[in-house]
Amino acid sequence: MQEILIEHLEDKVEDVTFKLVDPPYADSIGKIGARTMVIRHKERRFGRGCVEQWRRDRARLRADADRLLSRFESMLGRNPYLLGEAPVYADFSLYGIIGNLIYKSYNQLSPSQPHIQAWYGRLASFRYP
């Protein structure tokens, strides 16, 4: 089950969520040369104008992200962590994706995701015994 979750997180979820972060992140880079290098890096991978396209598609990307995250919201409504009582690698993968999504408050978790919000707080303070 964990392998399925990790593949889904790294393929589908991360693919949508980083596109919500990159436009405001690029905008925040004050030095034009540094900002250009970030955009150039993205365009080499995703095509010319991709950052502007993601900016225009923000509402659709956010809806896609929320749809994908709703599956994890449901799972976390039944267990404190994705696969039970203790975190597994998939939890840490999702934690990193959520951390990127909410980086510098560029995005917030939806109010319809209270289980993800509570889980994020638990994982942030989690320490292995």
Foldseek 3Di string as FASTA:
>chain_A
DLVVLVVCLVPPQLVLLLLLQPLVVLVPDDDPVVSVVSQVVVCVPPNPPSNVVSVVCVVVSVVSNLVSCVVQLVCLVVALENPHPDYDVSRVSVLVSVCSNCPVHSDDDDPVRVSVVSSNVCVVPDDDD
